């Protein structure tokens, strides 16, 4: 299944500031920490905790967020289903990056070891 153009546009315009607290709530309910969440985000995007905070304060859209990001060279190793989509098959580059992040957060919430989430192959 491939996301629609409307879905892709919605992803692009969503703000990171809106989604970050949802990510945090999801992982904290499962006993994970903000530090671990920030580590996972840093691995994918190269944004450290200070930059993450700045991007939240600026209320950047996901489009702007990922334009500023330096995607990890191993991001392509993120595979599997998230929100009904197989991330490795998503054709829209921005939507795929958002789903990469969703998948990493999901794995963190499910208790997967950080070493495995970070895919440092």
PDB file of N, CA and C in Angstrom:
ATOM      1  N   UNK A   1       0.847  -1.187   0.000  1.00  0.00           N
ATOM      2  CA  UNK A   1       0.000   0.000   0.000  1.00  0.00           C
ATOM      3  C   UNK A   1       0.892   1.250   0.000  1.00  0.00           C
ATOM      4  N   UNK A   2       0.558   2.201  -0.826  1.00  0.00           N
ATOM      5  CA  UNK A   2       1.332   3.433  -0.966  1.00  0.00           C
ATOM      6  C   UNK A   2       0.498   4.619  -0.463  1.00  0.00           C
ATOM      7  N   UNK A   3       1.102   5.506   0.343  1.00  0.00           N
ATOM      8  CA  UNK A   3       0.368   6.685   0.814  1.00  0.00           C
ATOM      9  C   UNK A   3      -0.088   7.562  -0.358  1.00  0.00           C
ATOM     10  N   UNK A   4      -1.218   8.228  -0.194  1.00  0.00           N
ATOM     11  CA  UNK A   4      -1.739   9.127  -1.222  1.00  0.00           C
ATOM     12  C   UNK A   4      -0.988  10.458  -1.177  1.00  0.00           C
ATOM     13  N   UNK A   5      -1.155  11.254  -2.230  1.00  0.00           N
ATOM     14  CA  UNK A   5      -0.537  12.582  -2.257  1.00  0.00           C
ATOM     15  C   UNK A   5      -1.061  13.445  -1.107  1.00  0.00           C
ATOM     16  N   UNK A   6      -2.350  13.315  -0.810  1.00  0.00           N
ATOM     17  CA  UNK A   6      -2.935  14.075   0.304  1.00  0.00           C
ATOM     18  C   UNK A   6      -2.256  13.680   1.616  1.00  0.00           C
ATOM     19  N   UNK A   7      -2.040  12.385   1.793  1.00  0.00           N
ATOM     20  CA  UNK A   7      -1.348  11.878   2.982  1.00  0.00           C
ATOM     21  C   UNK A   7       0.078  12.436   3.045  1.00  0.00           C
ATOM     22  N   UNK A   8       0.779  12.424   1.916  1.00  0.00           N
ATOM     23  CA  UNK A   8       2.148  12.933   1.866  1.00  0.00           C
ATOM     24  C   UNK A   8       2.207  14.416   2.222  1.00  0.00           C
ATOM     25  N   UNK A   9       1.242  15.192   1.712  1.00  0.00           N
ATOM     26  CA  UNK A   9       1.198  16.625   2.005  1.00  0.00           C
ATOM     27  C   UNK A   9       0.912  16.858   3.494  1.00  0.00           C
ATOM     28  N   UNK A  10       0.027  16.054   4.061  1.00  0.00           N
ATOM     29  CA  UNK A  10      -0.280  16.160   5.490  1.00  0.00           C
ATOM     30  C   UNK A  10       0.981  15.902   6.322  1.00  0.00           C
ATOM     31  N   UNK A  11       1.752  14.891   5.915  1.00  0.00           N
ATOM     32  CA  UNK A  11       3.011  14.580   6.616  1.00  0.00           C
ATOM     33  C   UNK A  11       3.970  15.770   6.551  1.00  0.00           C
ATOM     34  N   UNK A  12       4.093  16.362   5.378  1.00  0.00           N
ATOM     35  CA  UNK A  12       5.025  17.472   5.171  1.00  0.00           C
ATOM     36  C   UNK A  12       4.679  18.670   6.049  1.00  0.00           C
ATOM     37  N   UNK A  13       3.389  18.929   6.240  1.00  0.00           N
ATOM     38  CA  UNK A  13       2.950  20.115   6.976  1.00  0.00           C
ATOM     39  C   UNK A  13       2.807  19.907   8.485  1.00  0.00           C
ATOM     40  N   UNK A  14       2.844  18.661   8.937  1.00  0.00           N
ATOM     41  CA  UNK A  14       2.758  18.385  10.361  1.00  0.00           C
ATOM     42  C   UNK A  14       3.997  18.951  11.064  1.00  0.00           C
ATOM     43  N   UNK A  15       3.819  19.504  12.253  1.00  0.00           N
ATOM     44  CA  UNK A  15       4.981  20.051  12.957  1.00  0.00           C
ATOM     45  C   UNK A  15       5.608  18.998  13.867  1.00  0.00           C
ATOM     46  N   UNK A  16       6.922  19.048  13.920  1.00  0.00           N
ATOM     47  CA  UNK A  16       7.666  18.156  14.800  1.00  0.00           C
ATOM     48  C   UNK A  16       7.265  18.414  16.254  1.00  0.00           C
ATOM     49  N   UNK A  17       6.990  19.658  16.593  1.00  0.00           N
ATOM     50  CA  UNK A  17       6.594  20.026  17.959  1.00  0.00           C
ATOM     51  C   UNK A  17       5.296  19.347  18.385  1.00  0.00           C
ATOM     52  N   UNK A  18       4.417  19.069  17.446  1.00  0.00           N
ATOM     53  CA  UNK A  18       3.159  18.393  17.741  1.00  0.00           C
ATOM     54  C   UNK A  18       3.387  16.906  18.000  1.00  0.00           C
ATOM     55  N   UNK A  19       4.285  16.314  17.250  1.00  0.00           N
ATOM     56  CA  UNK A  19       4.492  14.868  17.298  1.00  0.00           C
ATOM     57  C   UNK A  19       5.453  14.433  18.404  1.00  0.00           C
ATOM     58  N   UNK A  20       6.458  15.255  18.699  1.00  0.00           N
ATOM     59  CA  UNK A  20       7.465  14.874  19.694  1.00  0.00           C
ATOM     60  C   UNK A  20       6.848  14.490  21.048  1.00  0.00           C
ATOM     61  N   UNK A  21       5.911  15.283  21.606  1.00  0.00           N
ATOM     62  CA  UNK A  21       5.310  14.882  22.888  1.00  0.00           C
ATOM     63  C   UNK A  21       4.560  13.548  22.806  1.00  0.00           C
ATOM     64  N   UNK A  22       4.006  13.246  21.636  1.00  0.00           N
ATOM     65  CA  UNK A  22       3.319  11.965  21.455  1.00  0.00           C
ATOM     66  C   UNK A  22       4.327  10.819  21.466  1.00  0.00           C
ATOM     67  N   UNK A  23       5.458  11.026  20.796  1.00  0.00           N
ATOM     68  CA  UNK A  23       6.535  10.037  20.831  1.00  0.00           C
ATOM     69  C   UNK A  23       6.993   9.808  22.271  1.00  0.00           C
ATOM     70  N   UNK A  24       7.214  10.910  22.979  1.00  0.00           N
ATOM     71  CA  UNK A  24       7.707  10.834  24.354  1.00  0.00           C
ATOM     72  C   UNK A  24       6.729  10.098  25.255  1.00  0.00           C
ATOM     73  N   UNK A  25       5.466  10.422  25.149  1.00  0.00           N
ATOM     74  CA  UNK A  25       4.435   9.756  25.947  1.00  0.00           C
ATOM     75  C   UNK A  25       4.407   8.257  25.650  1.00  0.00           C
ATOM     76  N   UNK A  26       4.481   7.913  24.382  1.00  0.00           N
ATOM     77  CA  UNK A  26       4.429   6.508  23.961  1.00  0.00           C
ATOM     78  C   UNK A  26       5.570   5.702  24.569  1.00  0.00           C
ATOM     79  N   UNK A  27       6.778   6.253  24.527  1.00  0.00           N
ATOM     80  CA  UNK A  27       7.925   5.474  25.004  1.00  0.00           C
ATOM     81  C   UNK A  27       8.027   5.475  26.530  1.00  0.00           C
ATOM     82  N   UNK A  28       7.617   6.583  27.169  1.00  0.00           N
ATOM     83  CA  UNK A  28       7.683   6.640  28.638  1.00  0.00           C
ATOM     84  C   UNK A  28       6.694   5.668  29.273  1.00  0.00           C
ATOM     85  N   UNK A  29       5.541   5.466  28.626  1.00  0.00           N
ATOM     86  CA  UNK A  29       4.563   4.492  29.134  1.00  0.00           C
ATOM     87  C   UNK A  29       5.157   3.088  29.172  1.00  0.00           C
ATOM     88  N   UNK A  30       6.145   2.851  28.341  1.00  0.00           N
ATOM     89  CA  UNK A  30       6.785   1.534  28.251  1.00  0.00           C
ATOM     90  C   UNK A  30       8.121   1.476  28.990  1.00  0.00           C
ATOM     91  N   UNK A  31       8.381   2.509  29.812  1.00  0.00           N
ATOM     92  CA  UNK A  31       9.583   2.491  30.643  1.00  0.00           C
ATOM     93  C   UNK A  31      10.847   2.995  29.974  1.00  0.00           C
ATOM     94  N   UNK A  32      10.725   3.598  28.804  1.00  0.00           N
ATOM     95  CA  UNK A  32      11.898   4.147  28.129  1.00  0.00           C
ATOM     96  C   UNK A  32      12.031   5.624  28.513  1.00  0.00           C
ATOM     97  N   UNK A  33      13.145   6.244  28.173  1.00  0.00           N
ATOM     98  CA  UNK A  33      13.421   7.605  28.619  1.00  0.00           C
ATOM     99  C   UNK A  33      13.515   8.608  27.471  1.00  0.00           C
ATOM    100  N   UNK A  34      13.391   9.889  27.833  1.00  0.00           N
ATOM    101  CA  UNK A  34      13.555  10.984  26.874  1.00  0.00           C
ATOM    102  C   UNK A  34      14.957  10.927  26.281  1.00  0.00           C
ATOM    103  N   UNK A  35      15.930  10.612  27.099  1.00  0.00           N
ATOM    104  CA  UNK A  35      17.318  10.512  26.621  1.00  0.00           C
ATOM    105  C   UNK A  35      17.431   9.452  25.510  1.00  0.00           C
ATOM    106  N   UNK A  36      16.759   8.319  25.687  1.00  0.00           N
ATOM    107  CA  UNK A  36      16.778   7.272  24.661  1.00  0.00           C
ATOM    108  C   UNK A  36      16.076   7.744  23.384  1.00  0.00           C
ATOM    109  N   UNK A  37      14.946   8.444  23.549  1.00  0.00           N
ATOM    110  CA  UNK A  37      14.225   8.978  22.390  1.00  0.00           C
ATOM    111  C   UNK A  37      15.122   9.946  21.626  1.00  0.00           C
ATOM    112  N   UNK A  38      15.758  10.853  22.350  1.00  0.00           N
ATOM    113  CA  UNK A  38      16.637  11.826  21.698  1.00  0.00           C
ATOM    114  C   UNK A  38      17.817  11.140  21.016  1.00  0.00           C
ATOM    115  N   UNK A  39      18.324  10.078  21.608  1.00  0.00           N
ATOM    116  CA  UNK A  39      19.419   9.312  21.001  1.00  0.00           C
ATOM    117  C   UNK A  39      18.990   8.703  19.667  1.00  0.00           C
ATOM    118  N   UNK A  40      17.797   8.143  19.636  1.00  0.00           N
ATOM    119  CA  UNK A  40      17.266   7.536  18.414  1.00  0.00           C
ATOM    120  C   UNK A  40      17.066   8.612  17.336  1.00  0.00           C
ATOM    121  N   UNK A  41      16.521   9.763  17.732  1.00  0.00           N
ATOM    122  CA  UNK A  41      16.316  10.865  16.781  1.00  0.00           C
ATOM    123  C   UNK A  41      17.674  11.366  16.280  1.00  0.00           C
ATOM    124  N   UNK A  42      18.639  11.475  17.181  1.00  0.00           N
ATOM    125  CA  UNK A  42      19.978  11.932  16.779  1.00  0.00           C
ATOM    126  C   UNK A  42      20.617  10.952  15.799  1.00  0.00           C
ATOM    127  N   UNK A  43      20.456   9.657  16.054  1.00  0.00           N
ATOM    128  CA  UNK A  43      21.023   8.660  15.145  1.00  0.00           C
ATOM    129  C   UNK A  43      20.464   8.846  13.736  1.00  0.00           C
ATOM    130  N   UNK A  44      19.149   9.039  13.631  1.00  0.00           N
ATOM    131  CA  UNK A  44      18.510   9.154  12.313  1.00  0.00           C
ATOM    132  C   UNK A  44      18.831  10.486  11.637  1.00  0.00           C
ATOM    133  N   UNK A  45      18.834  11.585  12.403  1.00  0.00           N
ATOM    134  CA  UNK A  45      18.856  12.928  11.802  1.00  0.00           C
ATOM    135  C   UNK A  45      20.144  13.720  12.010  1.00  0.00           C
ATOM    136  N   UNK A  46      20.967  13.320  12.964  1.00  0.00           N
ATOM    137  CA  UNK A  46      22.169  14.044  13.413  1.00  0.00           C
ATOM    138  C   UNK A  46      21.836  15.232  14.331  1.00  0.00           C
ATOM    139  N   UNK A  47      20.582  15.395  14.730  1.00  0.00           N
ATOM    140  CA  UNK A  47      20.201  16.478  15.645  1.00  0.00           C
ATOM    141  C   UNK A  47      20.434  16.050  17.091  1.00  0.00           C
ATOM    142  N   UNK A  48      21.264  16.800  17.830  1.00  0.00           N
ATOM    143  CA  UNK A  48      21.452  16.498  19.241  1.00  0.00           C
ATOM    144  C   UNK A  48      20.273  17.060  20.050  1.00  0.00           C
ATOM    145  N   UNK A  49      20.284  16.820  21.356  1.00  0.00           N
ATOM    146  CA  UNK A  49      19.157  17.223  22.209  1.00  0.00           C
ATOM    147  C   UNK A  49      18.892  18.724  22.133  1.00  0.00           C
ATOM    148  N   UNK A  50      19.945  19.542  22.061  1.00  0.00           N
ATOM    149  CA  UNK A  50      19.760  20.997  21.973  1.00  0.00           C
ATOM    150  C   UNK A  50      19.097  21.395  20.663  1.00  0.00           C
ATOM    151  N   UNK A  51      19.509  20.763  19.571  1.00  0.00           N
ATOM    152  CA  UNK A  51      18.922  21.071  18.262  1.00  0.00           C
ATOM    153  C   UNK A  51      17.465  20.598  18.219  1.00  0.00           C
ATOM    154  N   UNK A  52      17.189  19.450  18.816  1.00  0.00           N
ATOM    155  CA  UNK A  52      15.808  18.945  18.879  1.00  0.00           C
ATOM    156  C   UNK A  52      14.929  19.965  19.606  1.00  0.00           C
ATOM    157  N   UNK A  53      15.430  20.450  20.736  1.00  0.00           N
ATOM    158  CA  UNK A  53      14.685  21.448  21.524  1.00  0.00           C
ATOM    159  C   UNK A  53      14.434  22.714  20.696  1.00  0.00           C
ATOM    160  N   UNK A  54      15.456  23.162  19.988  1.00  0.00           N
ATOM    161  CA  UNK A  54      15.339  24.357  19.144  1.00  0.00           C
ATOM    162  C   UNK A  54      14.295  24.162  18.042  1.00  0.00           C
ATOM    163  N   UNK A  55      14.313  23.000  17.395  1.00  0.00           N
ATOM    164  CA  UNK A  55      13.358  22.724  16.326  1.00  0.00           C
ATOM    165  C   UNK A  55      11.925  22.643  16.857  1.00  0.00           C
ATOM    166  N   UNK A  56      11.777  22.136  18.073  1.00  0.00           N
ATOM    167  CA  UNK A  56      10.456  22.110  18.717  1.00  0.00           C
ATOM    168  C   UNK A  56       9.988  23.529  18.989  1.00  0.00           C
ATOM    169  N   UNK A  57      10.872  24.349  19.545  1.00  0.00           N
ATOM    170  CA  UNK A  57      10.520  25.741  19.859  1.00  0.00           C
ATOM    171  C   UNK A  57      10.159  26.538  18.611  1.00  0.00           C
ATOM    172  N   UNK A  58      10.836  26.243  17.505  1.00  0.00           N
ATOM    173  CA  UNK A  58      10.563  26.946  16.241  1.00  0.00           C
ATOM    174  C   UNK A  58       9.339  26.389  15.516  1.00  0.00           C
ATOM    175  N   UNK A  59       8.793  25.281  16.037  1.00  0.00           N
ATOM    176  CA  UNK A  59       7.610  24.642  15.445  1.00  0.00           C
ATOM    177  C   UNK A  59       7.804  24.352  13.951  1.00  0.00           C
ATOM    178  N   UNK A  60       8.949  23.753  13.623  1.00  0.00           N
ATOM    179  CA  UNK A  60       9.230  23.423  12.220  1.00  0.00           C
ATOM    180  C   UNK A  60       8.329  22.291  11.744  1.00  0.00           C
ATOM    181  N   UNK A  61       8.001  22.338  10.472  1.00  0.00           N
ATOM    182  CA  UNK A  61       7.235  21.249   9.856  1.00  0.00           C
ATOM    183  C   UNK A  61       8.175  20.067   9.647  1.00  0.00           C
ATOM    184  N   UNK A  62       7.599  18.893   9.411  1.00  0.00           N
ATOM    185  CA  UNK A  62       8.434  17.735   9.099  1.00  0.00           C
ATOM    186  C   UNK A  62       9.228  17.978   7.818  1.00  0.00           C
ATOM    187  N   UNK A  63       8.648  18.719   6.874  1.00  0.00           N
ATOM    188  CA  UNK A  63       9.385  19.016   5.650  1.00  0.00           C
ATOM    189  C   UNK A  63      10.663  19.777   5.976  1.00  0.00           C
ATOM    190  N   UNK A  64      10.549  20.825   6.766  1.00  0.00           N
ATOM    191  CA  UNK A  64      11.713  21.615   7.163  1.00  0.00           C
ATOM    192  C   UNK A  64      12.659  20.798   8.040  1.00  0.00           C
ATOM    193  N   UNK A  65      12.103  20.017   8.948  1.00  0.00           N
ATOM    194  CA  UNK A  65      12.872  19.165   9.855  1.00  0.00           C
ATOM    195  C   UNK A  65      13.805  18.249   9.061  1.00  0.00           C
ATOM    196  N   UNK A  66      13.245  17.552   8.075  1.00  0.00           N
ATOM    197  CA  UNK A  66      14.061  16.607   7.318  1.00  0.00           C
ATOM    198  C   UNK A  66      14.932  17.284   6.258  1.00  0.00           C
ATOM    199  N   UNK A  67      14.580  18.508   5.838  1.00  0.00           N
ATOM    200  CA  UNK A  67      15.475  19.263   4.948  1.00  0.00           C
ATOM    201  C   UNK A  67      16.759  19.637   5.694  1.00  0.00           C
ATOM    202  N   UNK A  68      16.635  19.914   6.991  1.00  0.00           N
ATOM    203  CA  UNK A  68      17.789  20.292   7.809  1.00  0.00           C
ATOM    204  C   UNK A  68      18.595  19.069   8.274  1.00  0.00           C
ATOM    205  N   UNK A  69      17.973  17.911   8.266  1.00  0.00           N
ATOM    206  CA  UNK A  69      18.590  16.693   8.806  1.00  0.00           C
ATOM    207  C   UNK A  69      19.669  16.136   7.873  1.00  0.00           C
ATOM    208  N   UNK A  70      20.649  15.496   8.485  1.00  0.00           N
ATOM    209  CA  UNK A  70      21.634  14.714   7.741  1.00  0.00           C
ATOM    210  C   UNK A  70      21.294  13.261   8.068  1.00  0.00           C
ATOM    211  N   UNK A  71      20.542  12.625   7.172  1.00  0.00           N
ATOM    212  CA  UNK A  71      20.035  11.276   7.427  1.00  0.00           C
ATOM    213  C   UNK A  71      21.185  10.279   7.574  1.00  0.00           C
ATOM    214  N   UNK A  72      21.066   9.421   8.572  1.00  0.00           N
ATOM    215  CA  UNK A  72      22.077   8.397   8.817  1.00  0.00           C
ATOM    216  C   UNK A  72      22.247   7.516   7.591  1.00  0.00           C
ATOM    217  N   UNK A  73      23.493   7.173   7.285  1.00  0.00           N
ATOM    218  CA  UNK A  73      23.783   6.344   6.105  1.00  0.00           C
ATOM    219  C   UNK A  73      23.146   4.961   6.193  1.00  0.00           C
ATOM    220  N   UNK A  74      22.800   4.514   7.396  1.00  0.00           N
ATOM    221  CA  UNK A  74      22.169   3.205   7.568  1.00  0.00           C
ATOM    222  C   UNK A  74      20.643   3.277   7.689  1.00  0.00           C
ATOM    223  N   UNK A  75      20.067   4.437   7.426  1.00  0.00           N
ATOM    224  CA  UNK A  75      18.607   4.587   7.542  1.00  0.00           C
ATOM    225  C   UNK A  75      17.875   3.603   6.626  1.00  0.00           C
ATOM    226  N   UNK A  76      18.479   3.273   5.501  1.00  0.00           N
ATOM    227  CA  UNK A  76      17.831   2.343   4.561  1.00  0.00           C
ATOM    228  C   UNK A  76      17.653   0.943   5.159  1.00  0.00           C
ATOM    229  N   UNK A  77      18.334   0.678   6.267  1.00  0.00           N
ATOM    230  CA  UNK A  77      18.195  -0.618   6.933  1.00  0.00           C
ATOM    231  C   UNK A  77      16.919  -0.711   7.778  1.00  0.00           C
ATOM    232  N   UNK A  78      16.215   0.418   7.917  1.00  0.00           N
ATOM    233  CA  UNK A  78      14.949   0.439   8.662  1.00  0.00           C
ATOM    234  C   UNK A  78      13.882  -0.155   7.751  1.00  0.00           C
ATOM    235  N   UNK A  79      13.340  -1.288   8.162  1.00  0.00           N
ATOM    236  CA  UNK A  79      12.331  -1.978   7.358  1.00  0.00           C
ATOM    237  C   UNK A  79      11.184  -2.416   8.250  1.00  0.00           C
ATOM    238  N   UNK A  80      10.108  -2.824   7.617  1.00  0.00           N
ATOM    239  CA  UNK A  80       8.968  -3.351   8.359  1.00  0.00           C
ATOM    240  C   UNK A  80       7.738  -2.489   8.204  1.00  0.00           C
ATOM    241  N   UNK A  81       6.699  -2.894   8.910  1.00  0.00           N
ATOM    242  CA  UNK A  81       5.408  -2.222   8.824  1.00  0.00           C
ATOM    243  C   UNK A  81       5.271  -1.172   9.918  1.00  0.00           C
ATOM    244  N   UNK A  82       4.718  -0.021   9.531  1.00  0.00           N
ATOM    245  CA  UNK A  82       4.356   1.011  10.488  1.00  0.00           C
ATOM    246  C   UNK A  82       3.130   1.741   9.930  1.00  0.00           C
ATOM    247  N   UNK A  83       2.113   1.848  10.727  1.00  0.00           N
ATOM    248  CA  UNK A  83       0.860   2.517  10.337  1.00  0.00           C
ATOM    249  C   UNK A  83       0.289   1.966   9.032  1.00  0.00           C
ATOM    250  N   UNK A  84       0.437   0.666   8.826  1.00  0.00           N
ATOM    251  CA  UNK A  84      -0.128   0.026   7.644  1.00  0.00           C
ATOM    252  C   UNK A  84       0.721   0.122   6.392  1.00  0.00           C
ATOM    253  N   UNK A  85       1.900   0.706   6.515  1.00  0.00           N
ATOM    254  CA  UNK A  85       2.787   0.863   5.360  1.00  0.00           C
ATOM    255  C   UNK A  85       4.088   0.113   5.598  1.00  0.00           C
ATOM    256  N   UNK A  86       4.638  -0.466   4.551  1.00  0.00           N
ATOM    257  CA  UNK A  86       5.961  -1.092   4.615  1.00  0.00           C
ATOM    258  C   UNK A  86       6.948   0.028   4.302  1.00  0.00           C
ATOM    259  N   UNK A  87       7.733   0.452   5.300  1.00  0.00           N
ATOM    260  CA  UNK A  87       8.559   1.660   5.163  1.00  0.00           C
ATOM    261  C   UNK A  87       9.529   1.605   3.996  1.00  0.00           C
ATOM    262  N   UNK A  88      10.075   0.444   3.723  1.00  0.00           N
ATOM    263  CA  UNK A  88      11.059   0.348   2.645  1.00  0.00           C
ATOM    264  C   UNK A  88      10.430   0.485   1.258  1.00  0.00           C
ATOM    265  N   UNK A  89       9.110   0.434   1.165  1.00  0.00           N
ATOM    266  CA  UNK A  89       8.422   0.534  -0.120  1.00  0.00           C
ATOM    267  C   UNK A  89       7.785   1.895  -0.368  1.00  0.00           C
ATOM    268  N   UNK A  90       7.831   2.789   0.600  1.00  0.00           N
ATOM    269  CA  UNK A  90       7.223   4.113   0.447  1.00  0.00           C
ATOM    270  C   UNK A  90       8.034   4.908  -0.581  1.00  0.00           C
ATOM    271  N   UNK A  91       7.357   5.417  -1.605  1.00  0.00           N
ATOM    272  CA  UNK A  91       8.027   6.104  -2.709  1.00  0.00           C
ATOM    273  C   UNK A  91       8.341   7.575  -2.412  1.00  0.00           C
ATOM    274  N   UNK A  92       7.487   8.252  -1.656  1.00  0.00           N
ATOM    275  CA  UNK A  92       7.715   9.662  -1.345  1.00  0.00           C
ATOM    276  C   UNK A  92       8.845   9.767  -0.320  1.00  0.00           C
ATOM    277  N   UNK A  93       9.955  10.426  -0.663  1.00  0.00           N
ATOM    278  CA  UNK A  93      11.114  10.467   0.243  1.00  0.00           C
ATOM    279  C   UNK A  93      10.815  11.068   1.621  1.00  0.00           C
ATOM    280  N   UNK A  94      10.037  12.144   1.674  1.00  0.00           N
ATOM    281  CA  UNK A  94       9.735  12.760   2.961  1.00  0.00           C
ATOM    282  C   UNK A  94       8.859  11.853   3.821  1.00  0.00           C
ATOM    283  N   UNK A  95       7.819  11.296   3.229  1.00  0.00           N
ATOM    284  CA  UNK A  95       6.941  10.394   3.973  1.00  0.00           C
ATOM    285  C   UNK A  95       7.733   9.192   4.474  1.00  0.00           C
ATOM    286  N   UNK A  96       8.645   8.692   3.669  1.00  0.00           N
ATOM    287  CA  UNK A  96       9.471   7.569   4.090  1.00  0.00           C
ATOM    288  C   UNK A  96      10.330   7.947   5.299  1.00  0.00           C
ATOM    289  N   UNK A  97      10.901   9.139   5.298  1.00  0.00           N
ATOM    290  CA  UNK A  97      11.731   9.584   6.427  1.00  0.00           C
ATOM    291  C   UNK A  97      10.899   9.711   7.700  1.00  0.00           C
ATOM    292  N   UNK A  98       9.694  10.271   7.579  1.00  0.00           N
ATOM    293  CA  UNK A  98       8.801  10.379   8.743  1.00  0.00           C
ATOM    294  C   UNK A  98       8.484   8.986   9.274  1.00  0.00           C
ATOM    295  N   UNK A  99       8.205   8.060   8.385  1.00  0.00           N
ATOM    296  CA  UNK A  99       7.892   6.690   8.803  1.00  0.00           C
ATOM    297  C   UNK A  99       9.115   5.970   9.359  1.00  0.00           C
ATOM    298  N   UNK A 100      10.307   6.309   8.875  1.00  0.00           N
ATOM    299  CA  UNK A 100      11.527   5.781   9.500  1.00  0.00           C
ATOM    300  C   UNK A 100      11.538   6.180  10.978  1.00  0.00           C
ATOM    301  N   UNK A 101      11.280   7.466  11.230  1.00  0.00           N
ATOM    302  CA  UNK A 101      11.278   7.957  12.606  1.00  0.00           C
ATOM    303  C   UNK A 101      10.189   7.268  13.420  1.00  0.00           C
ATOM    304  N   UNK A 102       8.999   7.142  12.857  1.00  0.00           N
ATOM    305  CA  UNK A 102       7.906   6.441  13.539  1.00  0.00           C
ATOM    306  C   UNK A 102       8.317   5.013  13.897  1.00  0.00           C
ATOM    307  N   UNK A 103       8.966   4.341  12.966  1.00  0.00           N
ATOM    308  CA  UNK A 103       9.375   2.944  13.171  1.00  0.00           C
ATOM    309  C   UNK A 103      10.396   2.840  14.299  1.00  0.00           C
ATOM    310  N   UNK A 104      11.356   3.758  14.335  1.00  0.00           N
ATOM    311  CA  UNK A 104      12.359   3.743  15.401  1.00  0.00           C
ATOM    312  C   UNK A 104      11.714   3.970  16.769  1.00  0.00           C
ATOM    313  N   UNK A 105      10.783   4.906  16.827  1.00  0.00           N
ATOM    314  CA  UNK A 105      10.073   5.184  18.084  1.00  0.00           C
ATOM    315  C   UNK A 105       9.257   3.965  18.500  1.00  0.00           C
ATOM    316  N   UNK A 106       8.615   3.327  17.538  1.00  0.00           N
ATOM    317  CA  UNK A 106       7.833   2.123  17.808  1.00  0.00           C
ATOM    318  C   UNK A 106       8.727   1.016  18.376  1.00  0.00           C
ATOM    319  N   UNK A 107       9.881   0.824  17.780  1.00  0.00           N
ATOM    320  CA  UNK A 107      10.810  -0.199  18.264  1.00  0.00           C
ATOM    321  C   UNK A 107      11.293   0.115  19.676  1.00  0.00           C
ATOM    322  N   UNK A 108      11.529   1.389  19.951  1.00  0.00           N
ATOM    323  CA  UNK A 108      11.933   1.808  21.293  1.00  0.00           C
ATOM    324  C   UNK A 108      10.829   1.480  22.297  1.00  0.00           C
ATOM    325  N   UNK A 109       9.596   1.813  21.937  1.00  0.00           N
ATOM    326  CA  UNK A 109       8.453   1.548  22.822  1.00  0.00           C
ATOM    327  C   UNK A 109       8.238   0.052  23.042  1.00  0.00           C
ATOM    328  N   UNK A 110       8.585  -0.753  22.052  1.00  0.00           N
ATOM    329  CA  UNK A 110       8.393  -2.196  22.175  1.00  0.00           C
ATOM    330  C   UNK A 110       9.527  -2.886  22.937  1.00  0.00           C
ATOM    331  N   UNK A 111      10.489  -2.102  23.416  1.00  0.00           N
ATOM    332  CA  UNK A 111      11.538  -2.660  24.251  1.00  0.00           C
ATOM    333  C   UNK A 111      12.748  -3.202  23.509  1.00  0.00           C
ATOM    334  N   UNK A 112      12.847  -2.919  22.236  1.00  0.00           N
ATOM    335  CA  UNK A 112      13.996  -3.385  21.453  1.00  0.00           C
ATOM    336  C   UNK A 112      15.272  -2.719  21.988  1.00  0.00           C
ATOM    337  N   UNK A 113      16.362  -3.444  21.987  1.00  0.00           N
ATOM    338  CA  UNK A 113      17.641  -2.920  22.472  1.00  0.00           C
ATOM    339  C   UNK A 113      18.108  -1.760  21.593  1.00  0.00           C
ATOM    340  N   UNK A 114      18.656  -0.735  22.241  1.00  0.00           N
ATOM    341  CA  UNK A 114      19.145   0.449  21.529  1.00  0.00           C
ATOM    342  C   UNK A 114      20.126   0.059  20.419  1.00  0.00           C
ATOM    343  N   UNK A 115      21.014  -0.877  20.718  1.00  0.00           N
ATOM    344  CA  UNK A 115      22.021  -1.299  19.730  1.00  0.00           C
ATOM    345  C   UNK A 115      21.364  -1.813  18.449  1.00  0.00           C
ATOM    346  N   UNK A 116      20.245  -2.504  18.594  1.00  0.00           N
ATOM    347  CA  UNK A 116      19.526  -3.033  17.429  1.00  0.00           C
ATOM    348  C   UNK A 116      18.774  -1.932  16.701  1.00  0.00           C
ATOM    349  N   UNK A 117      18.170  -1.011  17.473  1.00  0.00           N
ATOM    350  CA  UNK A 117      17.428   0.099  16.871  1.00  0.00           C
ATOM    351  C   UNK A 117      18.358   0.954  16.015  1.00  0.00           C
ATOM    352  N   UNK A 118      19.572   1.170  16.485  1.00  0.00           N
ATOM    353  CA  UNK A 118      20.499   2.078  15.797  1.00  0.00           C
ATOM    354  C   UNK A 118      21.156   1.491  14.563  1.00  0.00           C
ATOM    355  N   UNK A 119      20.992   0.217  14.334  1.00  0.00           N
ATOM    356  CA  UNK A 119      21.422  -0.426  13.079  1.00  0.00           C
ATOM    357  C   UNK A 119      22.808  -0.001  12.611  1.00  0.00           C
ATOM    358  N   UNK A 120      23.763  -0.096  13.486  1.00  0.00           N
ATOM    359  CA  UNK A 120      25.122   0.305  13.128  1.00  0.00           C
ATOM    360  C   UNK A 120      25.879  -0.808  12.431  1.00  0.00           C
ATOM    361  N   UNK A 121      25.293  -1.286  11.335  1.00  0.00           N
ATOM    362  CA  UNK A 121      25.905  -2.386  10.573  1.00  0.00           C
ATOM    363  C   UNK A 121      27.063  -1.877   9.740  1.00  0.00           C
TER     364      UNK A 121
END
